[in-house]
Amino acid sequence: MKLISTFLGILFGFMLLFQYVPTWFPQTTESVHMMKEGLQMGFDWCVAHWGRTTFGLILIGALFWIAYGQTK
């Protein structure tokens, strides 16, 4: 359950950042657009050098680490 809530939280955060923040705060439009382009460039680089499967496994591993890595 914690994994699903972490995934949904990340998804909701990116949705807010890329969809609504530029609408609510027009002065941030350029910065948010540059962040989105940077993420896309990083994704393209990783896929070109590592392949989609490896990159997907790294993302799944990172999601598990975020969800369960801080438990005590």
Protein backbone atom coordinates (compact mmCIF):
# COMPACT_ATOMS: atom_id res chain seq x y z
CA MET A 1 0.00 0.00 0.00
CA LYS A 2 2.86 2.33 0.79
CA LEU A 3 4.30 1.74 -2.69
CA ILE A 4 1.02 2.73 -4.34
CA SER A 5 0.66 5.85 -2.20
CA THR A 6 4.25 6.87 -3.01
CA PHE A 7 3.63 6.41 -6.74
CA LEU A 8 0.38 8.37 -6.59
CA GLY A 9 2.04 11.13 -4.56
CA ILE A 10 4.83 11.51 -7.10
CA LEU A 11 2.32 11.44 -9.96
CA PHE A 12 0.12 14.03 -8.25
CA GLY A 13 3.13 16.25 -7.51
CA PHE A 14 4.30 16.22 -11.13
CA MET A 15 0.75 16.85 -12.35
CA LEU A 16 0.47 19.88 -10.08
CA LEU A 17 3.91 21.13 -11.08
CA PHE A 18 3.53 20.79 -14.83
CA GLN A 19 -0.20 21.48 -15.30
CA TYR A 20 -1.43 23.86 -12.63
CA VAL A 21 1.53 25.84 -11.28
CA PRO A 22 2.12 27.65 -14.62
CA THR A 23 -1.61 28.46 -14.77
CA TRP A 24 -1.78 29.74 -11.21
CA PHE A 25 1.58 31.54 -11.31
CA PRO A 26 2.29 32.75 -14.87
CA GLN A 27 5.77 34.00 -13.93
CA THR A 28 6.87 30.37 -13.37
CA THR A 29 5.89 29.17 -16.84
CA GLU A 30 9.38 29.40 -18.33
CA SER A 31 11.07 27.72 -15.35
CA VAL A 32 8.56 24.85 -15.26
CA HIS A 33 8.92 24.38 -19.03
CA MET A 34 12.71 24.22 -18.68
CA MET A 35 12.37 21.61 -15.88
CA LYS A 36 10.06 19.54 -18.07
CA GLU A 37 12.51 19.72 -20.99
CA GLY A 38 15.39 18.76 -18.69
CA LEU A 39 13.53 15.70 -17.44
CA GLN A 40 12.75 14.71 -21.02
CA MET A 41 16.39 15.17 -22.08
CA GLY A 42 17.53 13.08 -19.10
CA PHE A 43 15.05 10.35 -19.94
CA ASP A 44 16.14 10.34 -23.60
CA TRP A 45 19.82 10.13 -22.59
CA CYS A 46 19.20 7.25 -20.19
CA VAL A 47 17.17 5.31 -22.74
CA ALA A 48 19.78 5.90 -25.46
CA HIS A 49 22.66 4.71 -23.26
CA TRP A 50 21.04 2.08 -21.02
CA GLY A 51 17.89 0.96 -22.87
CA ARG A 52 14.26 1.15 -21.81
CA THR A 53 14.26 -2.04 -19.77
CA THR A 54 17.26 -1.09 -17.64
CA PHE A 55 15.94 2.43 -17.12
CA GLY A 56 12.54 1.05 -16.14
CA LEU A 57 14.13 -1.31 -13.63
CA ILE A 58 16.12 1.58 -12.15
CA LEU A 59 12.90 3.60 -11.79
CA ILE A 60 11.13 0.67 -10.11
CA GLY A 61 14.10 0.24 -7.76
CA ALA A 62 14.06 3.95 -6.94
CA LEU A 63 10.33 3.81 -6.26
CA PHE A 64 10.79 0.89 -3.85
CA TRP A 65 13.67 2.72 -2.16
CA ILE A 66 11.57 5.87 -1.73
CA ALA A 67 8.62 3.87 -0.41
CA TYR A 68 10.40 1.45 1.91
CA GLY A 69 13.95 2.75 2.38
CA GLN A 70 13.16 5.06 5.30
CA THR A 71 11.24 2.60 7.50
CA LYS A 72 12.44 2.04 11.05
